[in-house]
Amino acid sequence: MIGIQGIHHVALIVSDYDRSRRFYTETLGLAVIAETLRAERQSWKLDLAVPGGGRLELFSFPAPSARPSRPEACGLRHLALAVADVAEAKARLEAQGVMVEPIRRDALTGRDFTFFADPDGLPIELYATG
């Protein structure tokens, strides 16, 4: 686990359910709350617990349309996860083969942050809590 400390409910539609399930549970270390096959929709729904009481939901649908995922694209900018130590979390992700950008410092808050991507290219930010 990389030390995520909190997030509120976020729902993501993924292109490859099994690949994303492995990434969010094994690479990021999130625990499964529930997993449901919604046969009438040809869709899986995976509820994941995020430390601090948050929840992340993964949905699969047949042939979901693509969405721009660059941090500056219109729409969802990125998913930010709180961690105590950005450098430590970065090192743990890199040890698992995840490409992570160099750590930067937020000019407004003075806190460290960095970005990496999930299997569908969704930008995920690690942001220092203190």
Foldseek 3Di string as FASTA:
>chain_A
DLAFADDAEDEEEDADVVQLVCCCCPLVNWAWPDWDQPPVQRKIWTWTATHPGHIYIYMYGPPDDDDDADLPDPDDNAAETEGADAVSSCVSNVVVVWDKDDWDADPVPRWIKTWTAGPSRHIYMYTHPD
